[in-house]
Amino acid sequence: MAYSHTNSKGVKYFLHKQEVTLRGGKPQTIFFFAKVEKNAKGTPTDLPADRVVNENPRNGFLTVSKKK
């Protein structure tokens, strides 16, 4: 079961992750939210313990960042 978050506008989003390779050859994991649980671009995942979800109050856009 993927992590889900409902934003202030009442829309439910599911967290996904994808492994990408940067130009220098370094692998990196990116996290993104999608409205559907099954997405072709990434795999559903749980929220890591060292991350926190932030919401843009203006448009309700969700982002994942490291805890401070």
PDB file of N, CA and C in Angstrom:
ATOM      1  N   MET A   1       0.848  -1.186   0.000  1.00  0.00           N
ATOM      2  CA  MET A   1       0.000   0.000   0.000  1.00  0.00           C
ATOM      3  C   MET A   1       0.889   1.244   0.000  1.00  0.00           C
ATOM      4  N   ALA A   2       0.624   2.136  -0.894  1.00  0.00           N
ATOM      5  CA  ALA A   2       1.410   3.364  -1.020  1.00  0.00           C
ATOM      6  C   ALA A   2       0.936   4.404  -0.008  1.00  0.00           C
ATOM      7  N   TYR A   3       1.833   5.321   0.317  1.00  0.00           N
ATOM      8  CA  TYR A   3       1.491   6.434   1.195  1.00  0.00           C
ATOM      9  C   TYR A   3       0.529   7.353   0.443  1.00  0.00           C
ATOM     10  N   SER A   4      -0.546   7.753   1.089  1.00  0.00           N
ATOM     11  CA  SER A   4      -1.496   8.674   0.464  1.00  0.00           C
ATOM     12  C   SER A   4      -1.644   9.912   1.340  1.00  0.00           C
ATOM     13  N   HIS A   5      -1.905  11.034   0.693  1.00  0.00           N
ATOM     14  CA  HIS A   5      -2.054  12.306   1.389  1.00  0.00           C
ATOM     15  C   HIS A   5      -3.171  13.080   0.711  1.00  0.00           C
ATOM     16  N   THR A   6      -4.070  13.643   1.497  1.00  0.00           N
ATOM     17  CA  THR A   6      -5.147  14.470   0.966  1.00  0.00           C
ATOM     18  C   THR A   6      -4.772  15.918   1.220  1.00  0.00           C
ATOM     19  N   ASN A   7      -4.730  16.722   0.144  1.00  0.00           N
ATOM     20  CA  ASN A   7      -4.330  18.117   0.294  1.00  0.00           C
ATOM     21  C   ASN A   7      -5.498  18.961   0.808  1.00  0.00           C
ATOM     22  N   SER A   8      -5.274  20.238   0.990  1.00  0.00           N
ATOM     23  CA  SER A   8      -6.285  21.129   1.566  1.00  0.00           C
ATOM     24  C   SER A   8      -7.492  21.309   0.649  1.00  0.00           C
ATOM     25  N   LYS A   9      -7.361  20.992  -0.614  1.00  0.00           N
ATOM     26  CA  LYS A   9      -8.470  21.103  -1.552  1.00  0.00           C
ATOM     27  C   LYS A   9      -9.312  19.832  -1.610  1.00  0.00           C
ATOM     28  N   GLY A  10      -8.900  18.800  -0.858  1.00  0.00           N
ATOM     29  CA  GLY A  10      -9.658  17.561  -0.776  1.00  0.00           C
ATOM     30  C   GLY A  10      -9.294  16.535  -1.835  1.00  0.00           C
ATOM     31  N   VAL A  11      -8.174  16.709  -2.527  1.00  0.00           N
ATOM     32  CA  VAL A  11      -7.747  15.770  -3.559  1.00  0.00           C
ATOM     33  C   VAL A  11      -6.734  14.800  -2.949  1.00  0.00           C
ATOM     34  N   LYS A  12      -6.946  13.503  -3.174  1.00  0.00           N
ATOM     35  CA  LYS A  12      -6.069  12.477  -2.618  1.00  0.00           C
ATOM     36  C   LYS A  12      -4.966  12.141  -3.616  1.00  0.00           C
ATOM     37  N   TYR A  13      -3.708  12.122  -3.126  1.00  0.00           N
ATOM     38  CA  TYR A  13      -2.544  11.816  -3.953  1.00  0.00           C
ATOM     39  C   TYR A  13      -1.782  10.649  -3.345  1.00  0.00           C
ATOM     40  N   PHE A  14      -1.085   9.884  -4.198  1.00  0.00           N
ATOM     41  CA  PHE A  14      -0.292   8.740  -3.776  1.00  0.00           C
ATOM     42  C   PHE A  14       1.174   9.002  -4.083  1.00  0.00           C
ATOM     43  N   LEU A  15       2.046   8.600  -3.154  1.00  0.00           N
ATOM     44  CA  LEU A  15       3.481   8.821  -3.290  1.00  0.00           C
ATOM     45  C   LEU A  15       4.112   7.717  -4.137  1.00  0.00           C
ATOM     46  N   HIS A  16       4.985   8.139  -5.084  1.00  0.00           N
ATOM     47  CA  HIS A  16       5.723   7.219  -5.946  1.00  0.00           C
ATOM     48  C   HIS A  16       7.205   7.560  -5.882  1.00  0.00           C
ATOM     49  N   LYS A  17       8.031   6.585  -6.260  1.00  0.00           N
ATOM     50  CA  LYS A  17       9.464   6.845  -6.347  1.00  0.00           C
ATOM     51  C   LYS A  17       9.972   6.294  -7.672  1.00  0.00           C
ATOM     52  N   GLN A  18      11.086   6.883  -8.129  1.00  0.00           N
ATOM     53  CA  GLN A  18      11.711   6.455  -9.370  1.00  0.00           C
ATOM     54  C   GLN A  18      13.217   6.605  -9.242  1.00  0.00           C
ATOM     55  N   GLU A  19      13.944   5.614  -9.717  1.00  0.00           N
ATOM     56  CA  GLU A  19      15.406   5.660  -9.727  1.00  0.00           C
ATOM     57  C   GLU A  19      15.844   6.291 -11.044  1.00  0.00           C
ATOM     58  N   VAL A  20      16.613   7.366 -10.965  1.00  0.00           N
ATOM     59  CA  VAL A  20      17.124   8.044 -12.154  1.00  0.00           C
ATOM     60  C   VAL A  20      18.640   8.122 -12.071  1.00  0.00           C
ATOM     61  N   THR A  21      19.272   8.307 -13.218  1.00  0.00           N
ATOM     62  CA  THR A  21      20.714   8.478 -13.279  1.00  0.00           C
ATOM     63  C   THR A  21      21.002   9.903 -13.731  1.00  0.00           C
ATOM     64  N   LEU A  22      21.780  10.623 -12.933  1.00  0.00           N
ATOM     65  CA  LEU A  22      22.143  11.995 -13.260  1.00  0.00           C
ATOM     66  C   LEU A  22      23.189  12.011 -14.363  1.00  0.00           C
ATOM     67  N   ARG A  23      23.444  13.171 -14.928  1.00  0.00           N
ATOM     68  CA  ARG A  23      24.397  13.287 -16.029  1.00  0.00           C
ATOM     69  C   ARG A  23      25.788  12.780 -15.681  1.00  0.00           C
ATOM     70  N   GLY A  24      26.215  12.942 -14.465  1.00  0.00           N
ATOM     71  CA  GLY A  24      27.527  12.480 -14.033  1.00  0.00           C
ATOM     72  C   GLY A  24      27.585  10.983 -13.767  1.00  0.00           C
ATOM     73  N   GLY A  25      26.468  10.285 -13.928  1.00  0.00           N
ATOM     74  CA  GLY A  25      26.421   8.852 -13.699  1.00  0.00           C
ATOM     75  C   GLY A  25      25.977   8.455 -12.306  1.00  0.00           C
ATOM     76  N   LYS A  26      25.699   9.430 -11.446  1.00  0.00           N
ATOM     77  CA  LYS A  26      25.294   9.146 -10.074  1.00  0.00           C
ATOM     78  C   LYS A  26      23.803   8.772 -10.029  1.00  0.00           C
ATOM     79  N   PRO A  27      23.466   7.630  -9.410  1.00  0.00           N
ATOM     80  CA  PRO A  27      22.045   7.276  -9.281  1.00  0.00           C
ATOM     81  C   PRO A  27      21.381   8.080  -8.165  1.00  0.00           C
ATOM     82  N   GLN A  28      20.103   8.420  -8.359  1.00  0.00           N
ATOM     83  CA  GLN A  28      19.360   9.184  -7.359  1.00  0.00           C
ATOM     84  C   GLN A  28      17.905   8.745  -7.376  1.00  0.00           C
ATOM     85  N   THR A  29      17.282   8.736  -6.210  1.00  0.00           N
ATOM     86  CA  THR A  29      15.867   8.405  -6.081  1.00  0.00           C
ATOM     87  C   THR A  29      15.068   9.691  -6.009  1.00  0.00           C
ATOM     88  N   ILE A  30      14.035   9.805  -6.851  1.00  0.00           N
ATOM     89  CA  ILE A  30      13.153  10.963  -6.805  1.00  0.00           C
ATOM     90  C   ILE A  30      11.781  10.504  -6.328  1.00  0.00           C
ATOM     91  N   PHE A  31      11.105  11.369  -5.587  1.00  0.00           N
ATOM     92  CA  PHE A  31       9.766  11.103  -5.083  1.00  0.00           C
ATOM     93  C   PHE A  31       8.807  12.087  -5.724  1.00  0.00           C
ATOM     94  N   PHE A  32       7.592  11.597  -6.084  1.00  0.00           N
ATOM     95  CA  PHE A  32       6.578  12.469  -6.654  1.00  0.00           C
ATOM     96  C   PHE A  32       5.201  11.934  -6.294  1.00  0.00           C
ATOM     97  N   PHE A  33       4.209  12.810  -6.380  1.00  0.00           N
ATOM     98  CA  PHE A  33       2.825  12.443  -6.081  1.00  0.00           C
ATOM     99  C   PHE A  33       2.027  12.334  -7.369  1.00  0.00           C
ATOM    100  N   ALA A  34       1.096  11.378  -7.401  1.00  0.00           N
ATOM    101  CA  ALA A  34       0.204  11.181  -8.536  1.00  0.00           C
ATOM    102  C   ALA A  34      -1.203  10.926  -7.997  1.00  0.00           C
ATOM    103  N   LYS A  35      -2.204  11.242  -8.807  1.00  0.00           N
ATOM    104  CA  LYS A  35      -3.591  11.062  -8.381  1.00  0.00           C
ATOM    105  C   LYS A  35      -4.017   9.601  -8.387  1.00  0.00           C
ATOM    106  N   VAL A  36      -3.325   8.763  -9.158  1.00  0.00           N
ATOM    107  CA  VAL A  36      -3.663   7.340  -9.230  1.00  0.00           C
ATOM    108  C   VAL A  36      -2.595   6.534  -8.492  1.00  0.00           C
ATOM    109  N   GLU A  37      -3.015   5.399  -7.909  1.00  0.00           N
ATOM    110  CA  GLU A  37      -2.073   4.595  -7.139  1.00  0.00           C
ATOM    111  C   GLU A  37      -1.106   3.835  -8.040  1.00  0.00           C
ATOM    112  N   LYS A  38      -1.556   3.389  -9.192  1.00  0.00           N
ATOM    113  CA  LYS A  38      -0.700   2.675 -10.145  1.00  0.00           C
ATOM    114  C   LYS A  38      -0.298   3.656 -11.230  1.00  0.00           C
ATOM    115  N   ASN A  39       1.005   3.963 -11.320  1.00  0.00           N
ATOM    116  CA  ASN A  39       1.511   4.932 -12.282  1.00  0.00           C
ATOM    117  C   ASN A  39       2.610   4.268 -13.101  1.00  0.00           C
ATOM    118  N   ALA A  40       2.647   4.523 -14.412  1.00  0.00           N
ATOM    119  CA  ALA A  40       3.636   3.894 -15.290  1.00  0.00           C
ATOM    120  C   ALA A  40       5.038   4.446 -15.062  1.00  0.00           C
ATOM    121  N   LYS A  41       5.168   5.644 -14.538  1.00  0.00           N
ATOM    122  CA  LYS A  41       6.481   6.273 -14.392  1.00  0.00           C
ATOM    123  C   LYS A  41       7.214   5.887 -13.122  1.00  0.00           C
ATOM    124  N   GLY A  42       6.520   5.436 -12.100  1.00  0.00           N
ATOM    125  CA  GLY A  42       7.177   5.111 -10.840  1.00  0.00           C
ATOM    126  C   GLY A  42       6.467   3.996 -10.109  1.00  0.00           C
ATOM    127  N   THR A  43       7.046   3.582  -9.005  1.00  0.00           N
ATOM    128  CA  THR A  43       6.441   2.538  -8.188  1.00  0.00           C
ATOM    129  C   THR A  43       5.888   3.152  -6.908  1.00  0.00           C
ATOM    130  N   PRO A  44       4.701   2.709  -6.469  1.00  0.00           N
ATOM    131  CA  PRO A  44       4.141   3.217  -5.215  1.00  0.00           C
ATOM    132  C   PRO A  44       5.061   2.887  -4.050  1.00  0.00           C
ATOM    133  N   THR A  45       5.165   3.810  -3.106  1.00  0.00           N
ATOM    134  CA  THR A  45       6.080   3.617  -1.976  1.00  0.00           C
ATOM    135  C   THR A  45       5.513   4.276  -0.721  1.00  0.00           C
ATOM    136  N   ASP A  46       6.080   3.874   0.414  1.00  0.00           N
ATOM    137  CA  ASP A  46       5.749   4.504   1.690  1.00  0.00           C
ATOM    138  C   ASP A  46       6.643   5.727   1.890  1.00  0.00           C
ATOM    139  N   LEU A  47       6.218   6.622   2.755  1.00  0.00           N
ATOM    140  CA  LEU A  47       7.004   7.813   3.059  1.00  0.00           C
ATOM    141  C   LEU A  47       8.207   7.416   3.909  1.00  0.00           C
ATOM    142  N   PRO A  48       9.444   7.693   3.462  1.00  0.00           N
ATOM    143  CA  PRO A  48      10.619   7.369   4.278  1.00  0.00           C
ATOM    144  C   PRO A  48      10.609   8.158   5.589  1.00  0.00           C
ATOM    145  N   ALA A  49      11.265   7.600   6.596  1.00  0.00           N
ATOM    146  CA  ALA A  49      11.270   8.209   7.930  1.00  0.00           C
ATOM    147  C   ALA A  49      11.988   9.554   7.952  1.00  0.00           C
ATOM    148  N   ASP A  50      12.939   9.769   7.037  1.00  0.00           N
ATOM    149  CA  ASP A  50      13.697  11.021   7.034  1.00  0.00           C
ATOM    150  C   ASP A  50      13.092  12.080   6.120  1.00  0.00           C
ATOM    151  N   ARG A  51      11.871  11.875   5.656  1.00  0.00           N
ATOM    152  CA  ARG A  51      11.212  12.820   4.732  1.00  0.00           C
ATOM    153  C   ARG A  51       9.925  13.359   5.351  1.00  0.00           C
ATOM    154  N   VAL A  52       9.493  14.520   4.841  1.00  0.00           N
ATOM    155  CA  VAL A  52       8.261  15.154   5.291  1.00  0.00           C
ATOM    156  C   VAL A  52       7.531  15.711   4.065  1.00  0.00           C
ATOM    157  N   VAL A  53       6.205  15.727   4.123  1.00  0.00           N
ATOM    158  CA  VAL A  53       5.390  16.230   3.018  1.00  0.00           C
ATOM    159  C   VAL A  53       5.081  17.700   3.263  1.00  0.00           C
ATOM    160  N   ASN A  54       5.292  18.509   2.228  1.00  0.00           N
ATOM    161  CA  ASN A  54       4.967  19.941   2.280  1.00  0.00           C
ATOM    162  C   ASN A  54       3.907  20.238   1.234  1.00  0.00           C
ATOM    163  N   GLU A  55       3.042  21.203   1.551  1.00  0.00           N
ATOM    164  CA  GLU A  55       2.000  21.600   0.608  1.00  0.00           C
ATOM    165  C   GLU A  55       2.103  23.088   0.328  1.00  0.00           C
ATOM    166  N   ASN A  56       2.041  23.442  -0.943  1.00  0.00           N
ATOM    167  CA  ASN A  56       2.018  24.832  -1.338  1.00  0.00           C
ATOM    168  C   ASN A  56       0.620  25.367  -1.002  1.00  0.00           C
ATOM    169  N   PRO A  57       0.501  26.367  -0.128  1.00  0.00           N
ATOM    170  CA  PRO A  57      -0.827  26.845   0.273  1.00  0.00           C
ATOM    171  C   PRO A  57      -1.589  27.531  -0.857  1.00  0.00           C
ATOM    172  N   ARG A  58      -0.882  27.974  -1.849  1.00  0.00           N
ATOM    173  CA  ARG A  58      -1.536  28.693  -2.950  1.00  0.00           C
ATOM    174  C   ARG A  58      -2.277  27.764  -3.905  1.00  0.00           C
ATOM    175  N   ASN A  59      -1.640  26.625  -4.256  1.00  0.00           N
ATOM    176  CA  ASN A  59      -2.269  25.750  -5.247  1.00  0.00           C
ATOM    177  C   ASN A  59      -2.453  24.310  -4.777  1.00  0.00           C
ATOM    178  N   GLY A  60      -2.022  23.969  -3.576  1.00  0.00           N
ATOM    179  CA  GLY A  60      -2.213  22.629  -3.043  1.00  0.00           C
ATOM    180  C   GLY A  60      -1.228  21.603  -3.574  1.00  0.00           C
ATOM    181  N   PHE A  61      -0.151  22.029  -4.261  1.00  0.00           N
ATOM    182  CA  PHE A  61       0.839  21.125  -4.821  1.00  0.00           C
ATOM    183  C   PHE A  61       1.665  20.500  -3.700  1.00  0.00           C
ATOM    184  N   LEU A  62       1.832  19.173  -3.731  1.00  0.00           N
ATOM    185  CA  LEU A  62       2.548  18.458  -2.682  1.00  0.00           C
ATOM    186  C   LEU A  62       3.978  18.168  -3.108  1.00  0.00           C
ATOM    187  N   THR A  63       4.927  18.322  -2.175  1.00  0.00           N
ATOM    188  CA  THR A  63       6.319  17.992  -2.407  1.00  0.00           C
ATOM    189  C   THR A  63       6.846  17.206  -1.206  1.00  0.00           C
ATOM    190  N   VAL A  64       7.935  16.483  -1.424  1.00  0.00           N
ATOM    191  CA  VAL A  64       8.598  15.718  -0.375  1.00  0.00           C
ATOM    192  C   VAL A  64       9.979  16.306  -0.177  1.00  0.00           C
ATOM    193  N   SER A  65      10.336  16.591   1.072  1.00  0.00           N
ATOM    194  CA  SER A  65      11.676  17.121   1.351  1.00  0.00           C
ATOM    195  C   SER A  65      12.228  16.433   2.593  1.00  0.00           C
ATOM    196  N   LYS A  66      13.524  16.577   2.816  1.00  0.00           N
ATOM    197  CA  LYS A  66      14.167  15.990   3.984  1.00  0.00           C
ATOM    198  C   LYS A  66      13.776  16.763   5.238  1.00  0.00           C
ATOM    199  N   LYS A  67      13.683  16.040   6.358  1.00  0.00           N
ATOM    200  CA  LYS A  67      13.415  16.700   7.640  1.00  0.00           C
ATOM    201  C   LYS A  67      14.618  17.539   8.032  1.00  0.00           C
ATOM    202  N   LYS A  68      14.352  18.640   8.689  1.00  0.00           N
ATOM    203  CA  LYS A  68      15.442  19.516   9.138  1.00  0.00           C
ATOM    204  C   LYS A  68      15.855  19.199  10.536  1.00  0.00           C
TER     205      LYS A  68
END
